[in-house]
């Protein structure tokens, strides 16, 4: 069976990182948030704004076509 060396390396690094936190997801999440804050990069929120779709869809339903 063929194995991808790059994927294997990524899995190894990811496992070492998780092992360094004793596989504690809360600790991993806290560390990632800390690294994100310290990076100084702009944090972009890509979640949809609520109400925008509903507003347009509601308007589309309110428009009636007269024969």
PDB file of N, CA and C in Angstrom:
ATOM      1  N   UNK A   1       0.838  -1.178   0.000  1.00  0.00           N
ATOM      2  CA  UNK A   1       0.000   0.000   0.000  1.00  0.00           C
ATOM      3  C   UNK A   1       0.890   1.252   0.000  1.00  0.00           C
ATOM      4  N   UNK A   2       0.493   2.239  -0.767  1.00  0.00           N
ATOM      5  CA  UNK A   2       1.254   3.475  -0.906  1.00  0.00           C
ATOM      6  C   UNK A   2       0.956   4.414   0.254  1.00  0.00           C
ATOM      7  N   UNK A   3       1.985   5.017   0.832  1.00  0.00           N
ATOM      8  CA  UNK A   3       1.795   5.992   1.899  1.00  0.00           C
ATOM      9  C   UNK A   3       2.427   7.311   1.492  1.00  0.00           C
ATOM     10  N   UNK A   4       1.779   8.373   1.866  1.00  0.00           N
ATOM     11  CA  UNK A   4       2.260   9.717   1.557  1.00  0.00           C
ATOM     12  C   UNK A   4       3.135  10.181   2.721  1.00  0.00           C
ATOM     13  N   UNK A   5       4.391  10.441   2.447  1.00  0.00           N
ATOM     14  CA  UNK A   5       5.337  10.822   3.491  1.00  0.00           C
ATOM     15  C   UNK A   5       4.955  12.152   4.145  1.00  0.00           C
ATOM     16  N   UNK A   6       4.434  13.066   3.359  1.00  0.00           N
ATOM     17  CA  UNK A   6       4.050  14.378   3.899  1.00  0.00           C
ATOM     18  C   UNK A   6       2.883  14.237   4.855  1.00  0.00           C
ATOM     19  N   UNK A   7       1.883  13.453   4.474  1.00  0.00           N
ATOM     20  CA  UNK A   7       0.718  13.239   5.348  1.00  0.00           C
ATOM     21  C   UNK A   7       1.155  12.535   6.624  1.00  0.00           C
ATOM     22  N   UNK A   8       2.036  11.563   6.501  1.00  0.00           N
ATOM     23  CA  UNK A   8       2.547  10.849   7.676  1.00  0.00           C
ATOM     24  C   UNK A   8       3.271  11.815   8.616  1.00  0.00           C
ATOM     25  N   UNK A   9       4.058  12.731   8.050  1.00  0.00           N
ATOM     26  CA  UNK A   9       4.770  13.701   8.877  1.00  0.00           C
ATOM     27  C   UNK A   9       3.799  14.638   9.586  1.00  0.00           C
ATOM     28  N   UNK A  10       2.761  15.075   8.887  1.00  0.00           N
ATOM     29  CA  UNK A  10       1.748  15.943   9.500  1.00  0.00           C
ATOM     30  C   UNK A  10       1.060  15.222  10.644  1.00  0.00           C
ATOM     31  N   UNK A  11       0.717  13.960  10.444  1.00  0.00           N
ATOM     32  CA  UNK A  11       0.076  13.180  11.514  1.00  0.00           C
ATOM     33  C   UNK A  11       1.000  13.034  12.716  1.00  0.00           C
ATOM     34  N   UNK A  12       2.284  12.812  12.449  1.00  0.00           N
ATOM     35  CA  UNK A  12       3.257  12.662  13.540  1.00  0.00           C
ATOM     36  C   UNK A  12       3.384  13.963  14.331  1.00  0.00           C
ATOM     37  N   UNK A  13       3.501  15.083  13.625  1.00  0.00           N
ATOM     38  CA  UNK A  13       3.632  16.384  14.291  1.00  0.00           C
ATOM     39  C   UNK A  13       2.376  16.706  15.091  1.00  0.00           C
ATOM     40  N   UNK A  14       1.216  16.439  14.496  1.00  0.00           N
ATOM     41  CA  UNK A  14      -0.046  16.703  15.192  1.00  0.00           C
ATOM     42  C   UNK A  14      -0.155  15.849  16.455  1.00  0.00           C
ATOM     43  N   UNK A  15       0.254  14.592  16.367  1.00  0.00           N
ATOM     44  CA  UNK A  15       0.191  13.721  17.536  1.00  0.00           C
ATOM     45  C   UNK A  15       1.162  14.178  18.621  1.00  0.00           C
ATOM     46  N   UNK A  16       2.360  14.616  18.242  1.00  0.00           N
ATOM     47  CA  UNK A  16       3.324  15.127  19.223  1.00  0.00           C
ATOM     48  C   UNK A  16       2.782  16.367  19.924  1.00  0.00           C
ATOM     49  N   UNK A  17       2.142  17.243  19.150  1.00  0.00           N
ATOM     50  CA  UNK A  17       1.568  18.462  19.717  1.00  0.00           C
ATOM     51  C   UNK A  17       0.461  18.111  20.715  1.00  0.00           C
ATOM     52  N   UNK A  18      -0.441  17.222  20.328  1.00  0.00           N
ATOM     53  CA  UNK A  18      -1.526  16.817  21.228  1.00  0.00           C
ATOM     54  C   UNK A  18      -0.978  16.098  22.462  1.00  0.00           C
ATOM     55  N   UNK A  19       0.037  15.276  22.262  1.00  0.00           N
ATOM     56  CA  UNK A  19       0.637  14.542  23.380  1.00  0.00           C
ATOM     57  C   UNK A  19       1.274  15.505  24.383  1.00  0.00           C
ATOM     58  N   UNK A  20       1.828  16.634  23.885  1.00  0.00           N
ATOM     59  CA  UNK A  20       2.456  17.594  24.794  1.00  0.00           C
ATOM     60  C   UNK A  20       1.431  18.244  25.732  1.00  0.00           C
ATOM     61  N   UNK A  21       0.169  18.162  25.379  1.00  0.00           N
ATOM     62  CA  UNK A  21      -0.912  18.671  26.240  1.00  0.00           C
ATOM     63  C   UNK A  21      -1.712  17.530  26.857  1.00  0.00           C
ATOM     64  N   UNK A  22      -1.134  16.327  26.811  1.00  0.00           N
ATOM     65  CA  UNK A  22      -1.776  15.128  27.361  1.00  0.00           C
ATOM     66  C   UNK A  22      -3.147  14.912  26.718  1.00  0.00           C
ATOM     67  N   UNK A  23      -3.266  15.261  25.440  1.00  0.00           N
ATOM     68  CA  UNK A  23      -4.484  15.113  24.642  1.00  0.00           C
ATOM     69  C   UNK A  23      -5.689  15.846  25.237  1.00  0.00           C
ATOM     70  N   UNK A  24      -5.427  16.904  25.990  1.00  0.00           N
ATOM     71  CA  UNK A  24      -6.487  17.710  26.613  1.00  0.00           C
ATOM     72  C   UNK A  24      -6.935  18.782  25.619  1.00  0.00           C
ATOM     73  N   UNK A  25      -8.141  18.632  25.074  1.00  0.00           N
ATOM     74  CA  UNK A  25      -8.624  19.551  24.049  1.00  0.00           C
ATOM     75  C   UNK A  25      -8.757  20.985  24.553  1.00  0.00           C
ATOM     76  N   UNK A  26      -9.154  21.157  25.806  1.00  0.00           N
ATOM     77  CA  UNK A  26      -9.270  22.513  26.362  1.00  0.00           C
ATOM     78  C   UNK A  26      -7.906  23.199  26.402  1.00  0.00           C
ATOM     79  N   UNK A  27      -6.871  22.455  26.798  1.00  0.00           N
ATOM     80  CA  UNK A  27      -5.519  23.021  26.854  1.00  0.00           C
ATOM     81  C   UNK A  27      -5.003  23.320  25.442  1.00  0.00           C
ATOM     82  N   UNK A  28      -5.289  22.440  24.495  1.00  0.00           N
ATOM     83  CA  UNK A  28      -4.871  22.666  23.106  1.00  0.00           C
ATOM     84  C   UNK A  28      -5.558  23.911  22.561  1.00  0.00           C
ATOM     85  N   UNK A  29      -6.858  24.029  22.797  1.00  0.00           N
ATOM     86  CA  UNK A  29      -7.618  25.181  22.323  1.00  0.00           C
ATOM     87  C   UNK A  29      -7.076  26.479  22.926  1.00  0.00           C
ATOM     88  N   UNK A  30      -6.788  26.457  24.221  1.00  0.00           N
ATOM     89  CA  UNK A  30      -6.244  27.636  24.893  1.00  0.00           C
ATOM     90  C   UNK A  30      -4.905  28.027  24.283  1.00  0.00           C
ATOM     91  N   UNK A  31      -4.056  27.043  24.017  1.00  0.00           N
ATOM     92  CA  UNK A  31      -2.752  27.322  23.416  1.00  0.00           C
ATOM     93  C   UNK A  31      -2.898  27.900  22.010  1.00  0.00           C
ATOM     94  N   UNK A  32      -3.810  27.355  21.224  1.00  0.00           N
ATOM     95  CA  UNK A  32      -4.012  27.859  19.863  1.00  0.00           C
ATOM     96  C   UNK A  32      -4.556  29.284  19.877  1.00  0.00           C
ATOM     97  N   UNK A  33      -5.477  29.568  20.810  1.00  0.00           N
ATOM     98  CA  UNK A  33      -5.986  30.937  20.937  1.00  0.00           C
ATOM     99  C   UNK A  33      -4.864  31.898  21.329  1.00  0.00           C
ATOM    100  N   UNK A  34      -3.998  31.465  22.234  1.00  0.00           N
ATOM    101  CA  UNK A  34      -2.873  32.293  22.667  1.00  0.00           C
ATOM    102  C   UNK A  34      -1.949  32.586  21.491  1.00  0.00           C
ATOM    103  N   UNK A  35      -1.638  31.552  20.701  1.00  0.00           N
ATOM    104  CA  UNK A  35      -0.782  31.731  19.528  1.00  0.00           C
ATOM    105  C   UNK A  35      -1.442  32.662  18.510  1.00  0.00           C
ATOM    106  N   UNK A  36      -2.746  32.535  18.354  1.00  0.00           N
ATOM    107  CA  UNK A  36      -3.478  33.394  17.425  1.00  0.00           C
ATOM    108  C   UNK A  36      -3.384  34.850  17.857  1.00  0.00           C
ATOM    109  N   UNK A  37      -3.568  35.113  19.146  1.00  0.00           N
ATOM    110  CA  UNK A  37      -3.504  36.469  19.668  1.00  0.00           C
ATOM    111  C   UNK A  37      -2.099  37.040  19.531  1.00  0.00           C
ATOM    112  N   UNK A  38      -1.102  36.229  19.840  1.00  0.00           N
ATOM    113  CA  UNK A  38       0.289  36.683  19.790  1.00  0.00           C
ATOM    114  C   UNK A  38       0.801  36.877  18.365  1.00  0.00           C
ATOM    115  N   UNK A  39       0.128  36.295  17.381  1.00  0.00           N
ATOM    116  CA  UNK A  39       0.613  36.396  15.999  1.00  0.00           C
ATOM    117  C   UNK A  39       0.516  37.822  15.460  1.00  0.00           C
ATOM    118  N   UNK A  40      -0.427  38.613  16.005  1.00  0.00           N
ATOM    119  CA  UNK A  40      -0.588  39.976  15.539  1.00  0.00           C
ATOM    120  C   UNK A  40      -1.335  40.086  14.219  1.00  0.00           C
ATOM    121  N   UNK A  41      -1.796  38.976  13.697  1.00  0.00           N
ATOM    122  CA  UNK A  41      -2.534  38.989  12.440  1.00  0.00           C
ATOM    123  C   UNK A  41      -3.978  39.394  12.676  1.00  0.00           C
ATOM    124  N   UNK A  42      -4.580  39.960  11.637  1.00  0.00           N
ATOM    125  CA  UNK A  42      -5.984  40.347  11.740  1.00  0.00           C
ATOM    126  C   UNK A  42      -6.847  39.091  11.777  1.00  0.00           C
ATOM    127  N   UNK A  43      -7.781  39.052  12.707  1.00  0.00           N
ATOM    128  CA  UNK A  43      -8.683  37.922  12.840  1.00  0.00           C
ATOM    129  C   UNK A  43      -9.971  38.272  12.114  1.00  0.00           C
ATOM    130  N   UNK A  44     -10.348  37.455  11.143  1.00  0.00           N
ATOM    131  CA  UNK A  44     -11.517  37.717  10.320  1.00  0.00           C
ATOM    132  C   UNK A  44     -12.615  36.736  10.701  1.00  0.00           C
ATOM    133  N   UNK A  45     -13.815  37.253  10.912  1.00  0.00           N
ATOM    134  CA  UNK A  45     -14.963  36.416  11.242  1.00  0.00           C
ATOM    135  C   UNK A  45     -15.747  36.162   9.956  1.00  0.00           C
ATOM    136  N   UNK A  46     -15.811  34.916   9.513  1.00  0.00           N
ATOM    137  CA  UNK A  46     -16.485  34.579   8.270  1.00  0.00           C
ATOM    138  C   UNK A  46     -17.888  34.025   8.484  1.00  0.00           C
ATOM    139  N   UNK A  47     -18.376  34.073   9.707  1.00  0.00           N
ATOM    140  CA  UNK A  47     -19.725  33.577   9.948  1.00  0.00           C
ATOM    141  C   UNK A  47     -20.733  34.544   9.346  1.00  0.00           C
ATOM    142  N   UNK A  48     -21.865  34.005   8.945  1.00  0.00           N
ATOM    143  CA  UNK A  48     -22.901  34.818   8.319  1.00  0.00           C
ATOM    144  C   UNK A  48     -23.540  35.729   9.349  1.00  0.00           C
ATOM    145  N   UNK A  49     -23.913  36.890   8.896  1.00  0.00           N
ATOM    146  CA  UNK A  49     -24.629  37.808   9.762  1.00  0.00           C
ATOM    147  C   UNK A  49     -26.089  37.379   9.796  1.00  0.00           C
ATOM    148  N   UNK A  50     -26.637  37.252  10.977  1.00  0.00           N
ATOM    149  CA  UNK A  50     -28.020  36.802  11.076  1.00  0.00           C
ATOM    150  C   UNK A  50     -28.963  37.892  10.604  1.00  0.00           C
ATOM    151  N   UNK A  51     -30.053  37.498  10.027  1.00  0.00           N
ATOM    152  CA  UNK A  51     -31.081  38.437   9.621  1.00  0.00           C
ATOM    153  C   UNK A  51     -30.982  38.875   8.178  1.00  0.00           C
ATOM    154  N   UNK A  52     -29.806  38.876   7.600  1.00  0.00           N
ATOM    155  CA  UNK A  52     -29.671  39.377   6.234  1.00  0.00           C
ATOM    156  C   UNK A  52     -30.426  38.489   5.246  1.00  0.00           C
ATOM    157  N   UNK A  53     -30.217  37.190   5.326  1.00  0.00           N
ATOM    158  CA  UNK A  53     -30.905  36.277   4.419  1.00  0.00           C
ATOM    159  C   UNK A  53     -32.395  36.278   4.699  1.00  0.00           C
ATOM    160  N   UNK A  54     -32.757  36.253   5.982  1.00  0.00           N
ATOM    161  CA  UNK A  54     -34.171  36.230   6.347  1.00  0.00           C
ATOM    162  C   UNK A  54     -34.870  37.492   5.849  1.00  0.00           C
ATOM    163  N   UNK A  55     -34.178  38.626   5.926  1.00  0.00           N
ATOM    164  CA  UNK A  55     -34.793  39.870   5.502  1.00  0.00           C
ATOM    165  C   UNK A  55     -35.110  39.821   4.013  1.00  0.00           C
ATOM    166  N   UNK A  56     -34.151  39.364   3.205  1.00  0.00           N
ATOM    167  CA  UNK A  56     -34.381  39.312   1.764  1.00  0.00           C
ATOM    168  C   UNK A  56     -35.410  38.259   1.406  1.00  0.00           C
ATOM    169  N   UNK A  57     -35.355  37.116   2.042  1.00  0.00           N
ATOM    170  CA  UNK A  57     -36.313  36.063   1.701  1.00  0.00           C
ATOM    171  C   UNK A  57     -37.720  36.475   2.120  1.00  0.00           C
ATOM    172  N   UNK A  58     -37.845  37.189   3.232  1.00  0.00           N
ATOM    173  CA  UNK A  58     -39.161  37.644   3.685  1.00  0.00           C
ATOM    174  C   UNK A  58     -39.715  38.662   2.686  1.00  0.00           C
ATOM    175  N   UNK A  59     -38.849  39.537   2.203  1.00  0.00           N
ATOM    176  CA  UNK A  59     -39.284  40.539   1.235  1.00  0.00           C
ATOM    177  C   UNK A  59     -39.754  39.862  -0.053  1.00  0.00           C
ATOM    178  N   UNK A  60     -39.036  38.830  -0.462  1.00  0.00           N
ATOM    179  CA  UNK A  60     -39.409  38.132  -1.687  1.00  0.00           C
ATOM    180  C   UNK A  60     -40.782  37.491  -1.542  1.00  0.00           C
ATOM    181  N   UNK A  61     -41.114  37.012  -0.354  1.00  0.00           N
ATOM    182  CA  UNK A  61     -42.431  36.395  -0.143  1.00  0.00           C
ATOM    183  C   UNK A  61     -43.530  37.440  -0.100  1.00  0.00           C
ATOM    184  N   UNK A  62     -43.178  38.648   0.352  1.00  0.00           N
ATOM    185  CA  UNK A  62     -44.187  39.698   0.471  1.00  0.00           C
ATOM    186  C   UNK A  62     -44.582  40.285  -0.878  1.00  0.00           C
ATOM    187  N   UNK A  63     -43.744  40.151  -1.860  1.00  0.00           N
ATOM    188  CA  UNK A  63     -44.036  40.712  -3.177  1.00  0.00           C
ATOM    189  C   UNK A  63     -45.031  39.791  -3.885  1.00  0.00           C
ATOM    190  N   UNK A  64     -46.159  40.332  -4.229  1.00  0.00           N
ATOM    191  CA  UNK A  64     -47.148  39.515  -4.933  1.00  0.00           C
ATOM    192  C   UNK A  64     -47.196  39.930  -6.396  1.00  0.00           C
ATOM    193  N   UNK A  65     -47.413  38.970  -7.239  1.00  0.00           N
ATOM    194  CA  UNK A  65     -47.483  39.228  -8.676  1.00  0.00           C
ATOM    195  C   UNK A  65     -48.952  39.328  -9.049  1.00  0.00           C
ATOM    196  N   UNK A  66     -49.323  40.461  -9.613  1.00  0.00           N
ATOM    197  CA  UNK A  66     -50.714  40.644 -10.036  1.00  0.00           C
ATOM    198  C   UNK A  66     -50.846  40.251 -11.493  1.00  0.00           C
ATOM    199  N   UNK A  67     -51.903  39.527 -11.830  1.00  0.00           N
ATOM    200  CA  UNK A  67     -52.089  39.085 -13.228  1.00  0.00           C
ATOM    201  C   UNK A  67     -52.466  40.208 -14.165  1.00  0.00           C
TER     202      UNK A  67
END
